[in-house]
Structure formats: C-alpha cells, structure tokens
Amino acid sequence: MSKKITKGVRTPSRRKFFKAAAATGAAAVATVAMPNIAFGAPKTLKMQAAWPSGANIFFEMAGDYAKMVSDMSGGELKI
C-alpha cells in the first residue's frame, strides 16, 4: 500500500479546537456579565482657563461652548 502525501494540509487538532471553544465561551459569558456601559452616569469634564471668571468675553464663550456640548450630548457630557 502506498501512503498519500498531502503537503500543506493539516489535520485538525482536538486541543486547539477545545482551546478556541473555551475562549469563545468565556468571551460570551464575559460579554453578558458586564454591565451595560451605554446607561452609565453622565461624564463631567473640567475646562482649564487662563483667564479669571467674570465679565471676560473668553470666559463667556467657554460657558457657551460648555452649554452647547451638554445640549448636543443630551446631558451625557458636562463641562
């Protein structure tokens, strides 16, 4: 009897299959178990300014920008 020679063809490894299956199962469990990030608390950022708060036009523009960001994000991001 002659042996078949198959170059470049690998036989499936049972060990690799079980490792991949275990990793896929662990990833699925971790995905379901993690809390939903979409419903997290609103994020608050601080803005650094080189001018003092008051009647300065730059401070007024920064306040307008912070309000605009809050409105555009639906209140999820506050500056």
N, C-alpha and C. Protein backbone atom coordinates (compact mmCIF):
# COMPACT_ATOMS: atom_id res chain seq x y z
N MET A 1 0.83 -1.18 0.00
CA MET A 1 0.00 0.00 0.00
C MET A 1 0.87 1.24 0.00
N SER A 2 0.40 2.22 -0.68
CA SER A 2 1.17 3.46 -0.73
C SER A 2 0.51 4.51 0.15
N LYS A 3 1.37 5.36 0.75
CA LYS A 3 0.85 6.43 1.59
C LYS A 3 0.54 7.63 0.71
N LYS A 4 -0.52 8.32 1.07
CA LYS A 4 -0.84 9.55 0.36
C LYS A 4 0.02 10.67 0.94
N ILE A 5 0.60 11.44 0.10
CA ILE A 5 1.39 12.57 0.55
C ILE A 5 0.58 13.84 0.29
N THR A 6 0.25 14.51 1.37
CA THR A 6 -0.51 15.75 1.26
C THR A 6 0.30 16.86 1.89
N LYS A 7 0.87 17.68 1.05
CA LYS A 7 1.66 18.80 1.56
C LYS A 7 0.74 20.00 1.80
N GLY A 8 0.98 20.67 2.90
CA GLY A 8 0.23 21.88 3.20
C GLY A 8 -1.13 21.64 3.81
N VAL A 9 -1.52 20.40 4.00
CA VAL A 9 -2.82 20.11 4.60
C VAL A 9 -2.58 19.64 6.02
N ARG A 10 -3.21 20.33 6.95
CA ARG A 10 -3.05 19.97 8.36
C ARG A 10 -4.27 19.20 8.84
N THR A 11 -4.02 18.27 9.69
CA THR A 11 -5.14 17.58 10.32
C THR A 11 -5.61 18.43 11.50
N PRO A 12 -6.90 18.51 11.71
CA PRO A 12 -7.40 19.34 12.80
C PRO A 12 -6.90 18.84 14.15
N SER A 13 -6.55 19.77 15.00
CA SER A 13 -6.07 19.42 16.33
C SER A 13 -7.22 19.54 17.32
N ARG A 14 -7.45 18.50 18.05
CA ARG A 14 -8.52 18.50 19.05
C ARG A 14 -8.21 19.49 20.16
N ARG A 15 -6.96 19.59 20.55
CA ARG A 15 -6.56 20.50 21.62
C ARG A 15 -6.82 21.96 21.22
N LYS A 16 -6.47 22.33 20.00
CA LYS A 16 -6.71 23.70 19.53
C LYS A 16 -8.20 23.99 19.45
N PHE A 17 -8.98 23.00 19.03
CA PHE A 17 -10.42 23.18 18.95
C PHE A 17 -11.01 23.46 20.32
N PHE A 18 -10.62 22.69 21.33
CA PHE A 18 -11.17 22.89 22.66
C PHE A 18 -10.70 24.21 23.27
N LYS A 19 -9.47 24.63 22.97
CA LYS A 19 -9.00 25.94 23.45
C LYS A 19 -9.83 27.06 22.84
N ALA A 20 -10.08 26.98 21.55
CA ALA A 20 -10.87 28.01 20.88
C ALA A 20 -12.31 28.02 21.39
N ALA A 21 -12.87 26.84 21.61
CA ALA A 21 -14.24 26.75 22.12
C ALA A 21 -14.33 27.33 23.53
N ALA A 22 -13.34 27.04 24.37
CA ALA A 22 -13.33 27.57 25.73
C ALA A 22 -13.18 29.09 25.72
N ALA A 23 -12.32 29.61 24.85
CA ALA A 23 -12.12 31.06 24.77
C ALA A 23 -13.39 31.74 24.27
N THR A 24 -14.06 31.15 23.30
CA THR A 24 -15.30 31.72 22.79
C THR A 24 -16.38 31.71 23.85
N GLY A 25 -16.48 30.62 24.59
CA GLY A 25 -17.47 30.54 25.67
C GLY A 25 -17.19 31.55 26.78
N ALA A 26 -15.92 31.70 27.13
CA ALA A 26 -15.56 32.67 28.17
C ALA A 26 -15.86 34.09 27.71
N ALA A 27 -15.60 34.38 26.44
CA ALA A 27 -15.89 35.72 25.92
C ALA A 27 -17.39 35.99 25.92
N ALA A 28 -18.18 34.98 25.59
CA ALA A 28 -19.63 35.16 25.59
C ALA A 28 -20.15 35.40 27.00
N VAL A 29 -19.64 34.66 27.97
CA VAL A 29 -20.07 34.84 29.35
C VAL A 29 -19.65 36.21 29.86
N ALA A 30 -18.44 36.65 29.54
CA ALA A 30 -17.96 37.96 29.99
C ALA A 30 -18.78 39.09 29.37
N THR A 31 -19.18 38.92 28.12
CA THR A 31 -19.97 39.95 27.46
C THR A 31 -21.34 40.10 28.11
N VAL A 32 -21.96 39.00 28.45
CA VAL A 32 -23.28 39.04 29.08
C VAL A 32 -23.18 39.53 30.51
N ALA A 33 -22.11 39.19 31.21
CA ALA A 33 -21.98 39.52 32.62
C ALA A 33 -21.58 40.97 32.86
N MET A 34 -20.98 41.63 31.88
CA MET A 34 -20.54 43.02 32.08
C MET A 34 -21.74 43.95 32.12
N PRO A 35 -21.64 45.01 32.93
CA PRO A 35 -22.75 45.97 32.95
C PRO A 35 -22.82 46.74 31.65
N ASN A 36 -24.00 47.19 31.35
CA ASN A 36 -24.20 47.93 30.11
C ASN A 36 -23.62 49.33 30.24
N ILE A 37 -22.60 49.64 29.48
CA ILE A 37 -21.90 50.91 29.58
C ILE A 37 -22.74 52.05 29.00
N ALA A 38 -23.65 51.74 28.10
CA ALA A 38 -24.45 52.78 27.46
C ALA A 38 -25.32 53.52 28.46
N PHE A 39 -25.67 52.90 29.56
CA PHE A 39 -26.53 53.54 30.55
C PHE A 39 -25.73 54.02 31.75
N GLY A 40 -24.49 54.38 31.56
CA GLY A 40 -23.63 54.86 32.64
C GLY A 40 -24.00 56.27 33.07
N ALA A 41 -23.35 56.72 34.12
CA ALA A 41 -23.59 58.06 34.64
C ALA A 41 -23.02 59.10 33.68
N PRO A 42 -23.58 60.31 33.69
CA PRO A 42 -23.03 61.37 32.83
C PRO A 42 -21.58 61.68 33.19
N LYS A 43 -20.79 61.98 32.20
CA LYS A 43 -19.38 62.30 32.40
C LYS A 43 -19.23 63.80 32.60
N THR A 44 -18.39 64.19 33.56
CA THR A 44 -18.14 65.60 33.83
C THR A 44 -16.66 65.88 33.60
N LEU A 45 -16.38 66.86 32.75
CA LEU A 45 -15.02 67.27 32.45
C LEU A 45 -14.78 68.67 32.99
N LYS A 46 -13.53 68.98 33.31
CA LYS A 46 -13.18 70.31 33.76
C LYS A 46 -12.42 71.02 32.65
N MET A 47 -12.73 72.30 32.47
CA MET A 47 -12.04 73.09 31.45
C MET A 47 -11.06 74.04 32.14
N GLN A 48 -9.83 74.00 31.69
CA GLN A 48 -8.80 74.89 32.23
C GLN A 48 -8.83 76.20 31.46
N ALA A 49 -8.80 77.30 32.17
CA ALA A 49 -8.81 78.61 31.53
C ALA A 49 -7.64 79.45 32.03
N ALA A 50 -7.13 80.29 31.15
CA ALA A 50 -6.03 81.17 31.52
C ALA A 50 -6.54 82.52 32.00
N TRP A 51 -7.82 82.71 31.98
CA TRP A 51 -8.41 83.97 32.40
C TRP A 51 -9.33 83.73 33.60
N PRO A 52 -9.53 84.74 34.42
CA PRO A 52 -10.40 84.58 35.58
C PRO A 52 -11.87 84.61 35.17
N SER A 53 -12.71 83.97 35.98
CA SER A 53 -14.14 84.01 35.68
C SER A 53 -14.65 85.41 35.95
N GLY A 54 -15.55 85.84 35.14
CA GLY A 54 -16.09 87.19 35.29
C GLY A 54 -16.65 87.68 33.98
N ALA A 55 -16.47 88.95 33.72
CA ALA A 55 -17.06 89.59 32.55
C ALA A 55 -16.19 89.44 31.31
N ASN A 56 -15.19 88.63 31.35
CA ASN A 56 -14.29 88.45 30.21
C ASN A 56 -15.02 87.73 29.08
N ILE A 57 -14.84 88.19 27.85
CA ILE A 57 -15.51 87.60 26.69
C ILE A 57 -15.08 86.16 26.46
N PHE A 58 -13.83 85.83 26.77
CA PHE A 58 -13.36 84.46 26.57
C PHE A 58 -14.05 83.49 27.52
N PHE A 59 -14.28 83.92 28.75
CA PHE A 59 -14.96 83.07 29.72
C PHE A 59 -16.42 82.86 29.31
N GLU A 60 -17.03 83.90 28.75
CA GLU A 60 -18.41 83.79 28.29
C GLU A 60 -18.51 82.80 27.13
N MET A 61 -17.54 82.86 26.21
CA MET A 61 -17.53 81.93 25.08
C MET A 61 -17.31 80.49 25.55
N ALA A 62 -16.47 80.30 26.57
CA ALA A 62 -16.24 78.96 27.11
C ALA A 62 -17.51 78.42 27.75
N GLY A 63 -18.24 79.28 28.44
CA GLY A 63 -19.52 78.86 29.03
C GLY A 63 -20.53 78.48 27.97
N ASP A 64 -20.58 79.25 26.89
CA ASP A 64 -21.48 78.93 25.78
C ASP A 64 -21.11 77.60 25.14
N TYR A 65 -19.81 77.36 25.01
CA TYR A 65 -19.33 76.09 24.44
C TYR A 65 -19.73 74.91 25.33
N ALA A 66 -19.56 75.07 26.64
CA ALA A 66 -19.93 74.01 27.58
C ALA A 66 -21.42 73.71 27.51
N LYS A 67 -22.24 74.74 27.39
CA LYS A 67 -23.69 74.54 27.29
C LYS A 67 -24.03 73.83 25.98
N MET A 68 -23.36 74.22 24.89
CA MET A 68 -23.62 73.61 23.60
C MET A 68 -23.24 72.12 23.61
N VAL A 69 -22.12 71.78 24.24
CA VAL A 69 -21.70 70.38 24.33
C VAL A 69 -22.71 69.58 25.14
N SER A 70 -23.18 70.15 26.23
CA SER A 70 -24.17 69.47 27.06
C SER A 70 -25.47 69.24 26.30
N ASP A 71 -25.91 70.25 25.56
CA ASP A 71 -27.15 70.11 24.77
C ASP A 71 -26.99 69.08 23.66
N MET A 72 -25.85 69.09 22.98
CA MET A 72 -25.64 68.16 21.86
C MET A 72 -25.51 66.72 22.33
N SER A 73 -25.00 66.52 23.55
CA SER A 73 -24.83 65.16 24.05
C SER A 73 -26.05 64.68 24.83
N GLY A 74 -27.06 65.50 24.92
CA GLY A 74 -28.26 65.10 25.65
C GLY A 74 -28.03 65.04 27.15
N GLY A 75 -27.09 65.80 27.65
CA GLY A 75 -26.80 65.83 29.08
C GLY A 75 -25.85 64.74 29.55
N GLU A 76 -25.34 63.93 28.62
CA GLU A 76 -24.43 62.84 28.99
C GLU A 76 -23.00 63.32 29.23
N LEU A 77 -22.65 64.48 28.68
CA LEU A 77 -21.31 65.03 28.83
C LEU A 77 -21.43 66.47 29.29
N LYS A 78 -20.85 66.75 30.45
CA LYS A 78 -20.92 68.10 31.01
C LYS A 78 -19.52 68.64 31.19
N ILE A 79 -19.36 69.94 30.88
CA ILE A 79 -18.07 70.59 31.05
C ILE A 79 -18.24 71.67 32.10
